[in-house]
Amino acid sequence: KMKQSVLRVADQGIKTIDIIMTSLKNNVVAEDKKLYNIGYLIEQAIDHCHATEEQRRKIKVDIVDDFEFFSSMQCMKHVMFNLFNNAYKYGGNQVSIGITAKDNELYFRDNGKGISPEALPFIFDKFFTGSSSGTGIGLAFCKMVMEDLGGSITCNSELGKYTEFVLVFPKL
């Protein structure tokens, strides 16, 4: 049992390193690209995002349309992990998150501290970070993955109120 746990953690570490290395490129090379449902992605991301029970209770999911997309599940889960991590890192453990899927769009909104208007234009740039502990590759990776599947990611934010990421998926 312990050996399986260690192997699972090591495998996840290797996948994470692959994701980081991929983010330094300009396109996504993934072996697990196929059709997935957005509801399944959200479920998988929440199950594996290392949120506490208290944090999970503050995640509200609304699947208006359970649309399909063609991409890598591993890469898309990392996109979601980045959004969760940023929400908790900048919004604190008490942050509430709303995830809505409709019309081939995924809305990921938190009620955290928001992003300053000065920083907002740069958040998807490689190596741009708003914290001393950040690497600046998370949101750049998200943008690369979304563009690779023919979609996009944008951000709306109001300082002191909210941050909302809008992921647009191509219609299949």
Protein backbone atom coordinates (compact mmCIF):
# COMPACT_ATOMS: atom_id res chain seq x y z
CA LYS A 1 0.00 0.00 0.00
CA MET A 2 2.81 2.43 0.93
CA LYS A 3 4.74 1.51 -2.24
CA GLN A 4 1.67 2.23 -4.40
CA SER A 5 1.23 5.58 -2.68
CA VAL A 6 4.88 6.53 -3.27
CA LEU A 7 4.66 5.46 -6.92
CA ARG A 8 1.46 7.51 -7.39
CA VAL A 9 3.09 10.61 -5.88
CA ALA A 10 6.23 10.09 -8.00
CA ASP A 11 4.11 9.67 -11.14
CA GLN A 12 2.21 12.87 -10.34
CA GLY A 13 5.54 14.67 -9.77
CA ILE A 14 6.84 13.53 -13.15
CA LYS A 15 3.62 14.66 -14.83
CA THR A 16 3.92 18.04 -13.09
CA ILE A 17 7.50 18.45 -14.32
CA ASP A 18 6.32 17.54 -17.84
CA ILE A 19 3.63 20.23 -17.55
CA ILE A 20 6.19 22.81 -16.41
CA MET A 21 8.56 21.90 -19.23
CA THR A 22 5.67 22.02 -21.73
CA SER A 23 4.74 25.48 -20.47
CA LEU A 24 8.15 26.75 -21.50
CA LYS A 25 7.41 25.70 -25.09
CA ASN A 26 4.75 27.29 -27.23
CA ASN A 27 2.48 24.32 -27.86
CA VAL A 28 1.07 21.33 -26.03
CA VAL A 29 2.31 17.84 -26.79
CA ALA A 30 0.11 15.39 -24.93
CA GLU A 31 -0.68 11.75 -25.51
CA ASP A 32 -4.11 11.76 -23.82
CA LYS A 33 -5.92 14.15 -26.19
CA LYS A 34 -9.50 13.01 -26.81
CA LEU A 35 -13.11 14.08 -26.26
CA TYR A 36 -14.09 14.93 -22.69
CA ASN A 37 -17.14 16.48 -21.04
CA ILE A 38 -16.67 19.71 -19.13
CA GLY A 39 -18.62 18.33 -16.15
CA TYR A 40 -16.19 15.41 -15.88
CA LEU A 41 -13.20 17.78 -16.04
CA ILE A 42 -14.62 19.95 -13.25
CA GLU A 43 -15.36 16.88 -11.11
CA GLN A 44 -11.83 15.51 -11.65
CA ALA A 45 -10.21 18.88 -10.94
CA ILE A 46 -12.13 19.36 -7.67
CA ASP A 47 -11.36 15.78 -6.59
CA HIS A 48 -7.62 16.28 -7.16
CA CYS A 49 -7.02 19.97 -6.32
CA HIS A 50 -5.88 19.39 -2.71
CA ALA A 51 -8.64 21.63 -1.32
CA THR A 52 -9.66 21.13 2.30
CA GLU A 53 -13.21 20.02 3.14
CA GLU A 54 -13.98 23.59 4.20
CA GLN A 55 -12.66 24.94 0.88
CA ARG A 56 -14.66 22.33 -1.07
CA ARG A 57 -17.87 23.46 0.65
CA LYS A 58 -17.23 26.93 -0.77
CA ILE A 59 -17.05 25.69 -4.38
CA LYS A 60 -20.37 26.02 -6.21
CA VAL A 61 -20.69 24.29 -9.59
CA ASP A 62 -23.43 25.03 -12.12
CA ILE A 63 -23.35 22.90 -15.28
CA VAL A 64 -25.88 24.63 -17.52
CA ASP A 65 -24.48 22.84 -20.60
CA ASP A 66 -22.25 19.76 -20.23
CA PHE A 67 -20.41 20.42 -23.49
CA GLU A 68 -17.61 18.33 -24.99
CA PHE A 69 -14.10 19.52 -25.78
CA PHE A 70 -11.06 17.87 -27.40
CA SER A 71 -7.89 18.22 -25.36
CA SER A 72 -5.58 16.53 -22.87
CA MET A 73 -7.27 15.75 -19.54
CA GLN A 74 -3.93 16.04 -17.75
CA CYS A 75 -3.29 19.50 -19.20
CA MET A 76 -6.85 20.68 -18.58
CA LYS A 77 -6.69 19.49 -14.96
CA HIS A 78 -3.52 21.55 -14.56
CA VAL A 79 -5.34 24.56 -15.99
CA MET A 80 -8.02 24.08 -13.33
CA PHE A 81 -5.38 23.47 -10.60
CA ASN A 82 -3.75 26.79 -11.50
CA LEU A 83 -7.08 28.59 -11.17
CA PHE A 84 -7.81 26.92 -7.81
CA ASN A 85 -4.28 27.57 -6.54
CA ASN A 86 -4.41 31.23 -7.50
CA ALA A 87 -7.86 31.66 -5.92
CA TYR A 88 -6.61 30.21 -2.62
CA LYS A 89 -3.18 31.87 -2.77
CA TYR A 90 -4.49 35.38 -3.44
CA GLY A 91 -8.00 35.09 -2.00
CA GLY A 92 -7.23 33.14 1.16
CA ASN A 93 -8.74 29.95 2.51
CA GLN A 94 -12.14 31.61 3.05
CA VAL A 95 -12.55 32.43 -0.64
CA SER A 96 -15.70 31.22 -2.38
CA ILE A 97 -15.46 29.88 -5.93
CA GLY A 98 -18.23 29.68 -8.49
CA ILE A 99 -17.76 27.52 -11.59
CA THR A 100 -20.34 27.76 -14.37
CA ALA A 101 -20.32 25.87 -17.68
CA LYS A 102 -22.58 27.07 -20.50
CA ASP A 103 -22.47 27.75 -24.24
CA ASN A 104 -18.98 26.22 -24.61
CA GLU A 105 -17.63 28.59 -21.95
CA LEU A 106 -16.37 27.91 -18.46
CA TYR A 107 -16.58 30.72 -15.90
CA PHE A 108 -14.31 30.42 -12.87
CA ARG A 109 -15.06 33.24 -10.42
CA ASP A 110 -13.80 33.87 -6.91
CA ASN A 111 -14.63 36.56 -4.38
CA GLY A 112 -10.98 37.13 -3.45
CA LYS A 113 -9.02 40.35 -3.42
CA GLY A 114 -9.02 40.83 -7.18
CA ILE A 115 -6.23 41.87 -9.54
CA SER A 116 -5.05 45.45 -9.93
CA PRO A 117 -5.82 47.18 -13.25
CA GLU A 118 -2.05 47.71 -13.66
CA ALA A 119 -1.27 43.98 -13.42
CA LEU A 120 -4.28 42.63 -15.35
CA PRO A 121 -2.85 43.08 -18.89
CA PHE A 122 0.25 41.03 -17.96
CA ILE A 123 -1.12 38.06 -15.98
CA PHE A 124 -0.86 35.63 -18.94
CA ASP A 125 2.74 36.62 -19.78
CA LYS A 126 5.43 34.02 -19.06
CA PHE A 127 7.26 34.67 -15.78
CA PHE A 128 4.92 37.50 -14.69
CA THR A 129 3.92 36.94 -11.07
CA GLY A 130 2.09 38.88 -8.41
CA SER A 131 3.82 37.13 -5.53
CA SER A 132 7.32 36.45 -4.26
CA SER A 133 6.61 32.70 -4.19
CA GLY A 134 5.12 32.49 -7.71
CA THR A 135 6.94 31.37 -10.86
CA GLY A 136 4.81 33.21 -13.39
CA ILE A 137 4.23 30.12 -15.53
CA GLY A 138 0.79 29.05 -14.25
CA LEU A 139 -1.47 31.41 -16.18
CA ALA A 140 0.90 31.43 -19.18
CA PHE A 141 0.47 27.64 -19.25
CA CYS A 142 -3.33 28.01 -19.03
CA LYS A 143 -3.31 30.37 -22.02
CA MET A 144 -1.10 28.00 -24.03
CA VAL A 145 -3.37 25.01 -23.34
CA MET A 146 -6.55 26.92 -24.19
CA GLU A 147 -5.06 28.32 -27.41
CA ASP A 148 -3.74 24.86 -28.35
CA LEU A 149 -7.28 23.45 -28.29
CA GLY A 150 -8.52 26.37 -30.39
CA GLY A 151 -10.04 28.31 -27.49
CA SER A 152 -9.06 31.21 -25.29
CA ILE A 153 -8.83 32.39 -21.69
CA THR A 154 -9.47 35.92 -20.47
CA CYS A 155 -9.76 37.52 -17.06
CA ASN A 156 -12.07 40.14 -15.59
CA SER A 157 -11.35 41.46 -12.13
CA GLU A 158 -12.25 44.27 -9.79
CA LEU A 159 -9.84 45.02 -6.97
CA GLY A 160 -11.33 44.12 -3.60
CA LYS A 161 -14.31 42.30 -5.16
CA TYR A 162 -13.68 39.39 -7.51
CA THR A 163 -11.61 37.69 -10.20
CA GLU A 164 -13.27 35.80 -13.04
CA PHE A 165 -11.57 33.70 -15.68
CA VAL A 166 -13.53 32.93 -18.84
CA LEU A 167 -12.38 29.87 -20.77
CA VAL A 168 -13.88 29.66 -24.26
CA PHE A 169 -13.90 26.22 -25.89
CA PRO A 170 -14.41 25.73 -29.65
CA LYS A 171 -17.73 24.21 -30.67
CA LEU A 172 -17.22 20.66 -31.94
